[in-house]
Structures are given as structure tokens and as C-alpha cells.
Amino acid sequence: MANATTNISIRMDADLKAQADALFAELGMNLSTAFNIFVRQSLREGRIPFEIALNQPNKETIAAMLEAERIAHDPSVKGYDDLDELFAELRS
């Protein structure tokens, strides 16, 4: 006996759906199949099967960005308008 199926309804931005349809078609499936794969993998792993994270820099990156900002605005730091000039000075 085949498993019973049910319909679900998902709201999605139309452009996002079109992009997903195109991607999954290239992979030989439709959105329904892709969603079923996602749900099955989630159940196998007992979690969402990929990392979900904010793209926030860590403390080290924030410190480096602040240092770069400070250096960029420090009038005592020599700047270069030409890469050749920079490399010539690095070689000396």
C-alpha cells in the first residue's frame, strides 16, 4: 500500500520561487521534490540540515575593521595613489 500524501501551501516571493524552480529543474526535480528532500534530511539529522547564521563579523574581524578605519583617517599614515609606488617602497 502506498503512503498517503497531503498538500501543503507555502507563501514565497514570486521571484524567489522562479529562481528555485529554475535551479531545481536543472537538478532534475521540481520544488515539491526539493522540499521533500529537505524535510527527509531534516528528519534524518534531527535538525535543519545546514547552518543558519547571521552574517555578523566576529570580534577579531570587527577589531580589524576598526583599525583599518583608524588608519584610513590618520593623516600621519602615508597613502599611495599608485601601486607601483607602493611596491617600490615595499622593496626598499
PDB file of N, CA and C in Angstrom:
ATOM      1  N   MET A   1       0.841  -1.183   0.000  1.00  0.00           N
ATOM      2  CA  MET A   1       0.000   0.000   0.000  1.00  0.00           C
ATOM      3  C   MET A   1       0.886   1.246   0.000  1.00  0.00           C
ATOM      4  N   ALA A   2       0.591   2.181  -0.873  1.00  0.00           N
ATOM      5  CA  ALA A   2       1.375   3.413  -0.989  1.00  0.00           C
ATOM      6  C   ALA A   2       1.064   4.344   0.171  1.00  0.00           C
ATOM      7  N   ASN A   3       2.059   5.140   0.512  1.00  0.00           N
ATOM      8  CA  ASN A   3       1.859   6.130   1.569  1.00  0.00           C
ATOM      9  C   ASN A   3       0.867   7.181   1.108  1.00  0.00           C
ATOM     10  N   ALA A   4       0.018   7.624   2.020  1.00  0.00           N
ATOM     11  CA  ALA A   4      -0.913   8.706   1.710  1.00  0.00           C
ATOM     12  C   ALA A   4      -0.124  10.013   1.646  1.00  0.00           C
ATOM     13  N   THR A   5      -0.518  10.880   0.767  1.00  0.00           N
ATOM     14  CA  THR A   5       0.140  12.178   0.668  1.00  0.00           C
ATOM     15  C   THR A   5      -0.845  13.263   1.080  1.00  0.00           C
ATOM     16  N   THR A   6      -0.320  14.418   1.368  1.00  0.00           N
ATOM     17  CA  THR A   6      -1.147  15.563   1.722  1.00  0.00           C
ATOM     18  C   THR A   6      -0.586  16.798   1.044  1.00  0.00           C
ATOM     19  N   ASN A   7      -1.412  17.761   0.829  1.00  0.00           N
ATOM     20  CA  ASN A   7      -0.980  19.017   0.224  1.00  0.00           C
ATOM     21  C   ASN A   7      -0.641  20.019   1.314  1.00  0.00           C
ATOM     22  N   ILE A   8       0.373  20.830   1.044  1.00  0.00           N
ATOM     23  CA  ILE A   8       0.695  21.952   1.925  1.00  0.00           C
ATOM     24  C   ILE A   8       0.778  23.190   1.056  1.00  0.00           C
ATOM     25  N   SER A   9       0.654  24.329   1.678  1.00  0.00           N
ATOM     26  CA  SER A   9       0.738  25.592   0.967  1.00  0.00           C
ATOM     27  C   SER A   9       1.832  26.430   1.614  1.00  0.00           C
ATOM     28  N   ILE A  10       2.734  26.947   0.795  1.00  0.00           N
ATOM     29  CA  ILE A  10       3.844  27.767   1.280  1.00  0.00           C
ATOM     30  C   ILE A  10       3.790  29.108   0.565  1.00  0.00           C
ATOM     31  N   ARG A  11       3.889  30.171   1.319  1.00  0.00           N
ATOM     32  CA  ARG A  11       3.970  31.506   0.716  1.00  0.00           C
ATOM     33  C   ARG A  11       5.432  31.834   0.468  1.00  0.00           C
ATOM     34  N   MET A  12       5.698  32.346  -0.740  1.00  0.00           N
ATOM     35  CA  MET A  12       7.072  32.636  -1.129  1.00  0.00           C
ATOM     36  C   MET A  12       7.047  33.780  -2.135  1.00  0.00           C
ATOM     37  N   ASP A  13       8.060  34.633  -2.078  1.00  0.00           N
ATOM     38  CA  ASP A  13       8.225  35.691  -3.056  1.00  0.00           C
ATOM     39  C   ASP A  13       8.239  35.074  -4.459  1.00  0.00           C
ATOM     40  N   ALA A  14       7.521  35.676  -5.394  1.00  0.00           N
ATOM     41  CA  ALA A  14       7.398  35.113  -6.742  1.00  0.00           C
ATOM     42  C   ALA A  14       8.755  34.968  -7.437  1.00  0.00           C
ATOM     43  N   ASP A  15       9.633  35.961  -7.280  1.00  0.00           N
ATOM     44  CA  ASP A  15      10.944  35.891  -7.915  1.00  0.00           C
ATOM     45  C   ASP A  15      11.787  34.772  -7.297  1.00  0.00           C
ATOM     46  N   LEU A  16      11.708  34.638  -5.982  1.00  0.00           N
ATOM     47  CA  LEU A  16      12.428  33.564  -5.297  1.00  0.00           C
ATOM     48  C   LEU A  16      11.953  32.197  -5.792  1.00  0.00           C
ATOM     49  N   LYS A  17      10.645  32.046  -5.945  1.00  0.00           N
ATOM     50  CA  LYS A  17      10.098  30.775  -6.444  1.00  0.00           C
ATOM     51  C   LYS A  17      10.579  30.492  -7.862  1.00  0.00           C
ATOM     52  N   ALA A  18      10.588  31.515  -8.699  1.00  0.00           N
ATOM     53  CA  ALA A  18      11.049  31.323 -10.086  1.00  0.00           C
ATOM     54  C   ALA A  18      12.510  30.881 -10.107  1.00  0.00           C
ATOM     55  N   GLN A  19      13.336  31.498  -9.270  1.00  0.00           N
ATOM     56  CA  GLN A  19      14.744  31.109  -9.201  1.00  0.00           C
ATOM     57  C   GLN A  19      14.883  29.673  -8.697  1.00  0.00           C
ATOM     58  N   ALA A  20      14.098  29.324  -7.678  1.00  0.00           N
ATOM     59  CA  ALA A  20      14.149  27.965  -7.132  1.00  0.00           C
ATOM     60  C   ALA A  20      13.678  26.956  -8.181  1.00  0.00           C
ATOM     61  N   ASP A  21      12.592  27.276  -8.871  1.00  0.00           N
ATOM     62  CA  ASP A  21      12.096  26.380  -9.930  1.00  0.00           C
ATOM     63  C   ASP A  21      13.169  26.135 -10.987  1.00  0.00           C
ATOM     64  N   ALA A  22      13.865  27.198 -11.386  1.00  0.00           N
ATOM     65  CA  ALA A  22      14.910  27.061 -12.409  1.00  0.00           C
ATOM     66  C   ALA A  22      16.065  26.200 -11.889  1.00  0.00           C
ATOM     67  N   LEU A  23      16.503  26.449 -10.653  1.00  0.00           N
ATOM     68  CA  LEU A  23      17.595  25.656 -10.079  1.00  0.00           C
ATOM     69  C   LEU A  23      17.216  24.188  -9.983  1.00  0.00           C
ATOM     70  N   PHE A  24      16.051  23.913  -9.410  1.00  0.00           N
ATOM     71  CA  PHE A  24      15.659  22.519  -9.215  1.00  0.00           C
ATOM     72  C   PHE A  24      15.394  21.814 -10.532  1.00  0.00           C
ATOM     73  N   ALA A  25      14.926  22.540 -11.534  1.00  0.00           N
ATOM     74  CA  ALA A  25      14.744  21.940 -12.866  1.00  0.00           C
ATOM     75  C   ALA A  25      16.101  21.502 -13.418  1.00  0.00           C
ATOM     76  N   GLU A  26      17.121  22.345 -13.209  1.00  0.00           N
ATOM     77  CA  GLU A  26      18.473  21.977 -13.646  1.00  0.00           C
ATOM     78  C   GLU A  26      18.958  20.720 -12.927  1.00  0.00           C
ATOM     79  N   LEU A  27      18.491  20.531 -11.692  1.00  0.00           N
ATOM     80  CA  LEU A  27      18.879  19.355 -10.909  1.00  0.00           C
ATOM     81  C   LEU A  27      17.955  18.162 -11.157  1.00  0.00           C
ATOM     82  N   GLY A  28      16.990  18.339 -12.069  1.00  0.00           N
ATOM     83  CA  GLY A  28      16.104  17.239 -12.449  1.00  0.00           C
ATOM     84  C   GLY A  28      14.949  17.003 -11.498  1.00  0.00           C
ATOM     85  N   MET A  29      14.524  18.042 -10.799  1.00  0.00           N
ATOM     86  CA  MET A  29      13.399  17.886  -9.868  1.00  0.00           C
ATOM     87  C   MET A  29      12.567  19.154  -9.846  1.00  0.00           C
ATOM     88  N   ASN A  30      11.430  19.073  -9.175  1.00  0.00           N
ATOM     89  CA  ASN A  30      10.602  20.255  -9.004  1.00  0.00           C
ATOM     90  C   ASN A  30      10.677  20.723  -7.548  1.00  0.00           C
ATOM     91  N   LEU A  31       9.994  21.811  -7.255  1.00  0.00           N
ATOM     92  CA  LEU A  31      10.030  22.389  -5.922  1.00  0.00           C
ATOM     93  C   LEU A  31       9.476  21.423  -4.874  1.00  0.00           C
ATOM     94  N   SER A  32       8.454  20.677  -5.224  1.00  0.00           N
ATOM     95  CA  SER A  32       7.864  19.712  -4.296  1.00  0.00           C
ATOM     96  C   SER A  32       8.873  18.625  -3.912  1.00  0.00           C
ATOM     97  N   THR A  33       9.581  18.113  -4.893  1.00  0.00           N
ATOM     98  CA  THR A  33      10.600  17.091  -4.628  1.00  0.00           C
ATOM     99  C   THR A  33      11.719  17.667  -3.776  1.00  0.00           C
ATOM    100  N   ALA A  34      12.169  18.876  -4.102  1.00  0.00           N
ATOM    101  CA  ALA A  34      13.233  19.515  -3.325  1.00  0.00           C
ATOM    102  C   ALA A  34      12.798  19.715  -1.876  1.00  0.00           C
ATOM    103  N   PHE A  35      11.563  20.143  -1.671  1.00  0.00           N
ATOM    104  CA  PHE A  35      11.068  20.337  -0.310  1.00  0.00           C
ATOM    105  C   PHE A  35      11.004  19.000   0.434  1.00  0.00           C
ATOM    106  N   ASN A  36      10.562  17.957  -0.233  1.00  0.00           N
ATOM    107  CA  ASN A  36      10.527  16.628   0.391  1.00  0.00           C
ATOM    108  C   ASN A  36      11.928  16.150   0.774  1.00  0.00           C
ATOM    109  N   ILE A  37      12.909  16.407  -0.081  1.00  0.00           N
ATOM    110  CA  ILE A  37      14.298  16.053   0.233  1.00  0.00           C
ATOM    111  C   ILE A  37      14.742  16.803   1.483  1.00  0.00           C
ATOM    112  N   PHE A  38      14.440  18.109   1.540  1.00  0.00           N
ATOM    113  CA  PHE A  38      14.794  18.918   2.698  1.00  0.00           C
ATOM    114  C   PHE A  38      14.170  18.353   3.975  1.00  0.00           C
ATOM    115  N   VAL A  39      12.888  18.033   3.938  1.00  0.00           N
ATOM    116  CA  VAL A  39      12.198  17.519   5.133  1.00  0.00           C
ATOM    117  C   VAL A  39      12.762  16.160   5.542  1.00  0.00           C
ATOM    118  N   ARG A  40      12.984  15.270   4.592  1.00  0.00           N
ATOM    119  CA  ARG A  40      13.543  13.954   4.926  1.00  0.00           C
ATOM    120  C   ARG A  40      14.933  14.080   5.548  1.00  0.00           C
ATOM    121  N   GLN A  41      15.773  14.948   4.981  1.00  0.00           N
ATOM    122  CA  GLN A  41      17.112  15.135   5.527  1.00  0.00           C
ATOM    123  C   GLN A  41      17.039  15.765   6.919  1.00  0.00           C
ATOM    124  N   SER A  42      16.121  16.680   7.123  1.00  0.00           N
ATOM    125  CA  SER A  42      15.930  17.283   8.447  1.00  0.00           C
ATOM    126  C   SER A  42      15.558  16.219   9.474  1.00  0.00           C
ATOM    127  N   LEU A  43      14.678  15.311   9.088  1.00  0.00           N
ATOM    128  CA  LEU A  43      14.265  14.237   9.995  1.00  0.00           C
ATOM    129  C   LEU A  43      15.411  13.265  10.268  1.00  0.00           C
ATOM    130  N   ARG A  44      16.207  12.950   9.245  1.00  0.00           N
ATOM    131  CA  ARG A  44      17.362  12.065   9.446  1.00  0.00           C
ATOM    132  C   ARG A  44      18.351  12.650  10.447  1.00  0.00           C
ATOM    133  N   GLU A  45      18.617  13.961  10.300  1.00  0.00           N
ATOM    134  CA  GLU A  45      19.626  14.607  11.134  1.00  0.00           C
ATOM    135  C   GLU A  45      19.061  15.153  12.442  1.00  0.00           C
ATOM    136  N   GLY A  46      17.750  15.255  12.524  1.00  0.00           N
ATOM    137  CA  GLY A  46      17.139  15.810  13.725  1.00  0.00           C
ATOM    138  C   GLY A  46      17.390  17.301  13.869  1.00  0.00           C
ATOM    139  N   ARG A  47      17.601  17.962  12.752  1.00  0.00           N
ATOM    140  CA  ARG A  47      17.871  19.402  12.742  1.00  0.00           C
ATOM    141  C   ARG A  47      17.706  19.912  11.324  1.00  0.00           C
ATOM    142  N   ILE A  48      17.791  21.232  11.168  1.00  0.00           N
ATOM    143  CA  ILE A  48      17.842  21.784   9.820  1.00  0.00           C
ATOM    144  C   ILE A  48      19.202  21.386   9.248  1.00  0.00           C
ATOM    145  N   PRO A  49      19.249  20.807   8.066  1.00  0.00           N
ATOM    146  CA  PRO A  49      20.494  20.192   7.572  1.00  0.00           C
ATOM    147  C   PRO A  49      21.532  21.157   6.995  1.00  0.00           C
ATOM    148  N   PHE A  50      21.514  22.379   7.447  1.00  0.00           N
ATOM    149  CA  PHE A  50      22.545  23.333   7.075  1.00  0.00           C
ATOM    150  C   PHE A  50      22.578  24.409   8.146  1.00  0.00           C
ATOM    151  N   GLU A  51      23.691  25.140   8.176  1.00  0.00           N
ATOM    152  CA  GLU A  51      23.851  26.174   9.196  1.00  0.00           C
ATOM    153  C   GLU A  51      23.006  27.393   8.855  1.00  0.00           C
ATOM    154  N   ILE A  52      22.333  27.907   9.856  1.00  0.00           N
ATOM    155  CA  ILE A  52      21.595  29.155   9.716  1.00  0.00           C
ATOM    156  C   ILE A  52      22.268  30.141  10.657  1.00  0.00           C
ATOM    157  N   ALA A  53      22.813  31.204  10.099  1.00  0.00           N
ATOM    158  CA  ALA A  53      23.557  32.144  10.926  1.00  0.00           C
ATOM    159  C   ALA A  53      23.429  33.554  10.358  1.00  0.00           C
ATOM    160  N   LEU A  54      23.552  34.512  11.235  1.00  0.00           N
ATOM    161  CA  LEU A  54      23.635  35.898  10.794  1.00  0.00           C
ATOM    162  C   LEU A  54      25.028  36.130  10.262  1.00  0.00           C
ATOM    163  N   ASN A  55      25.125  36.917   9.231  1.00  0.00           N
ATOM    164  CA  ASN A  55      26.437  37.230   8.674  1.00  0.00           C
ATOM    165  C   ASN A  55      27.039  38.407   9.431  1.00  0.00           C
ATOM    166  N   GLN A  56      27.344  38.155  10.700  1.00  0.00           N
ATOM    167  CA  GLN A  56      27.943  39.188  11.530  1.00  0.00           C
ATOM    168  C   GLN A  56      29.411  38.855  11.745  1.00  0.00           C
ATOM    169  N   PRO A  57      30.258  39.867  11.621  1.00  0.00           N
ATOM    170  CA  PRO A  57      31.677  39.598  11.834  1.00  0.00           C
ATOM    171  C   PRO A  57      31.968  39.265  13.301  1.00  0.00           C
ATOM    172  N   ASN A  58      33.000  38.445  13.515  1.00  0.00           N
ATOM    173  CA  ASN A  58      33.391  38.120  14.885  1.00  0.00           C
ATOM    174  C   ASN A  58      34.197  39.267  15.482  1.00  0.00           C
ATOM    175  N   LYS A  59      34.578  39.157  16.746  1.00  0.00           N
ATOM    176  CA  LYS A  59      35.274  40.237  17.450  1.00  0.00           C
ATOM    177  C   LYS A  59      36.599  40.599  16.765  1.00  0.00           C
ATOM    178  N   GLU A  60      37.323  39.589  16.312  1.00  0.00           N
ATOM    179  CA  GLU A  60      38.615  39.837  15.656  1.00  0.00           C
ATOM    180  C   GLU A  60      38.426  40.625  14.363  1.00  0.00           C
ATOM    181  N   THR A  61      37.406  40.269  13.595  1.00  0.00           N
ATOM    182  CA  THR A  61      37.141  40.976  12.342  1.00  0.00           C
ATOM    183  C   THR A  61      36.692  42.405  12.618  1.00  0.00           C
ATOM    184  N   ILE A  62      35.851  42.595  13.627  1.00  0.00           N
ATOM    185  CA  ILE A  62      35.401  43.939  13.989  1.00  0.00           C
ATOM    186  C   ILE A  62      36.600  44.792  14.396  1.00  0.00           C
ATOM    187  N   ALA A  63      37.514  44.232  15.194  1.00  0.00           N
ATOM    188  CA  ALA A  63      38.711  44.959  15.617  1.00  0.00           C
ATOM    189  C   ALA A  63      39.556  45.344  14.401  1.00  0.00           C
ATOM    190  N   ALA A  64      39.699  44.439  13.441  1.00  0.00           N
ATOM    191  CA  ALA A  64      40.482  44.724  12.236  1.00  0.00           C
ATOM    192  C   ALA A  64      39.812  45.819  11.406  1.00  0.00           C
ATOM    193  N   MET A  65      38.505  45.793  11.322  1.00  0.00           N
ATOM    194  CA  MET A  65      37.786  46.822  10.568  1.00  0.00           C
ATOM    195  C   MET A  65      37.942  48.185  11.238  1.00  0.00           C
ATOM    196  N   LEU A  66      37.864  48.224  12.558  1.00  0.00           N
ATOM    197  CA  LEU A  66      38.045  49.484  13.286  1.00  0.00           C
ATOM    198  C   LEU A  66      39.475  50.019  13.103  1.00  0.00           C
ATOM    199  N   GLU A  67      40.447  49.114  13.142  1.00  0.00           N
ATOM    200  CA  GLU A  67      41.835  49.520  12.930  1.00  0.00           C
ATOM    201  C   GLU A  67      42.027  50.069  11.514  1.00  0.00           C
ATOM    202  N   ALA A  68      41.445  49.425  10.539  1.00  0.00           N
ATOM    203  CA  ALA A  68      41.549  49.898   9.151  1.00  0.00           C
ATOM    204  C   ALA A  68      40.915  51.275   9.007  1.00  0.00           C
ATOM    205  N   GLU A  69      39.779  51.490   9.649  1.00  0.00           N
ATOM    206  CA  GLU A  69      39.118  52.802   9.636  1.00  0.00           C
ATOM    207  C   GLU A  69      40.017  53.859  10.258  1.00  0.00           C
ATOM    208  N   ARG A  70      40.636  53.527  11.400  1.00  0.00           N
ATOM    209  CA  ARG A  70      41.529  54.463  12.088  1.00  0.00           C
ATOM    210  C   ARG A  70      42.713  54.810  11.194  1.00  0.00           C
ATOM    211  N   ILE A  71      43.319  53.804  10.591  1.00  0.00           N
ATOM    212  CA  ILE A  71      44.474  54.028   9.717  1.00  0.00           C
ATOM    213  C   ILE A  71      44.076  54.873   8.505  1.00  0.00           C
ATOM    214  N   ALA A  72      42.917  54.606   7.945  1.00  0.00           N
ATOM    215  CA  ALA A  72      42.463  55.337   6.760  1.00  0.00           C
ATOM    216  C   ALA A  72      42.271  56.818   7.047  1.00  0.00           C
ATOM    217  N   HIS A  73      41.932  57.160   8.281  1.00  0.00           N
ATOM    218  CA  HIS A  73      41.678  58.557   8.631  1.00  0.00           C
ATOM    219  C   HIS A  73      42.840  59.210   9.382  1.00  0.00           C
ATOM    220  N   ASP A  74      43.940  58.512   9.530  1.00  0.00           N
ATOM    221  CA  ASP A  74      45.099  59.035  10.258  1.00  0.00           C
ATOM    222  C   ASP A  74      45.994  59.790   9.277  1.00  0.00           C
ATOM    223  N   PRO A  75      46.110  61.125   9.441  1.00  0.00           N
ATOM    224  CA  PRO A  75      46.911  61.906   8.486  1.00  0.00           C
ATOM    225  C   PRO A  75      48.406  61.589   8.549  1.00  0.00           C
ATOM    226  N   SER A  76      48.862  60.945   9.620  1.00  0.00           N
ATOM    227  CA  SER A  76      50.287  60.625   9.711  1.00  0.00           C
ATOM    228  C   SER A  76      50.654  59.339   8.970  1.00  0.00           C
ATOM    229  N   VAL A  77      49.661  58.619   8.499  1.00  0.00           N
ATOM    230  CA  VAL A  77      49.913  57.371   7.763  1.00  0.00           C
ATOM    231  C   VAL A  77      50.027  57.705   6.280  1.00  0.00           C
ATOM    232  N   LYS A  78      51.144  57.282   5.682  1.00  0.00           N
ATOM    233  CA  LYS A  78      51.382  57.568   4.269  1.00  0.00           C
ATOM    234  C   LYS A  78      50.413  56.761   3.403  1.00  0.00           C
ATOM    235  N   GLY A  79      49.843  57.427   2.418  1.00  0.00           N
ATOM    236  CA  GLY A  79      48.957  56.778   1.465  1.00  0.00           C
ATOM    237  C   GLY A  79      49.608  56.707   0.097  1.00  0.00           C
ATOM    238  N   TYR A  80      49.059  55.929  -0.784  1.00  0.00           N
ATOM    239  CA  TYR A  80      49.621  55.747  -2.121  1.00  0.00           C
ATOM    240  C   TYR A  80      48.512  55.912  -3.153  1.00  0.00           C
ATOM    241  N   ASP A  81      48.857  56.590  -4.235  1.00  0.00           N
ATOM    242  CA  ASP A  81      47.928  56.755  -5.350  1.00  0.00           C
ATOM    243  C   ASP A  81      48.245  55.794  -6.480  1.00  0.00           C
ATOM    244  N   ASP A  82      49.371  55.090  -6.344  1.00  0.00           N
ATOM    245  CA  ASP A  82      49.866  54.268  -7.431  1.00  0.00           C
ATOM    246  C   ASP A  82      50.451  52.971  -6.846  1.00  0.00           C
ATOM    247  N   LEU A  83      50.031  51.843  -7.373  1.00  0.00           N
ATOM    248  CA  LEU A  83      50.540  50.559  -6.877  1.00  0.00           C
ATOM    249  C   LEU A  83      52.031  50.397  -7.105  1.00  0.00           C
ATOM    250  N   ASP A  84      52.534  50.913  -8.226  1.00  0.00           N
ATOM    251  CA  ASP A  84      53.969  50.818  -8.489  1.00  0.00           C
ATOM    252  C   ASP A  84      54.764  51.527  -7.394  1.00  0.00           C
ATOM    253  N   GLU A  85      54.272  52.689  -6.976  1.00  0.00           N
ATOM    254  CA  GLU A  85      54.925  53.451  -5.903  1.00  0.00           C
ATOM    255  C   GLU A  85      54.914  52.647  -4.597  1.00  0.00           C
ATOM    256  N   LEU A  86      53.785  52.026  -4.295  1.00  0.00           N
ATOM    257  CA  LEU A  86      53.679  51.202  -3.085  1.00  0.00           C
ATOM    258  C   LEU A  86      54.661  50.046  -3.130  1.00  0.00           C
ATOM    259  N   PHE A  87      54.699  49.321  -4.248  1.00  0.00           N
ATOM    260  CA  PHE A  87      55.587  48.162  -4.348  1.00  0.00           C
ATOM    261  C   PHE A  87      57.063  48.569  -4.332  1.00  0.00           C
ATOM    262  N   ALA A  88      57.380  49.706  -4.939  1.00  0.00           N
ATOM    263  CA  ALA A  88      58.754  50.203  -4.927  1.00  0.00           C
ATOM    264  C   ALA A  88      59.185  50.475  -3.497  1.00  0.00           C
ATOM    265  N   GLU A  89      58.303  51.058  -2.708  1.00  0.00           N
ATOM    266  CA  GLU A  89      58.646  51.352  -1.319  1.00  0.00           C
ATOM    267  C   GLU A  89      58.746  50.059  -0.492  1.00  0.00           C
ATOM    268  N   LEU A  90      57.910  49.099  -0.784  1.00  0.00           N
ATOM    269  CA  LEU A  90      57.977  47.824  -0.062  1.00  0.00           C
ATOM    270  C   LEU A  90      59.286  47.100  -0.336  1.00  0.00           C
ATOM    271  N   ARG A  91      59.808  47.216  -1.563  1.00  0.00           N
ATOM    272  CA  ARG A  91      61.056  46.545  -1.922  1.00  0.00           C
ATOM    273  C   ARG A  91      62.270  47.201  -1.294  1.00  0.00           C
ATOM    274  N   SER A  92      62.169  48.482  -0.946  1.00  0.00           N
ATOM    275  CA  SER A  92      63.337  49.198  -0.411  1.00  0.00           C
ATOM    276  C   SER A  92      63.515  48.992   1.079  1.00  0.00           C
TER     277      SER A  92
END
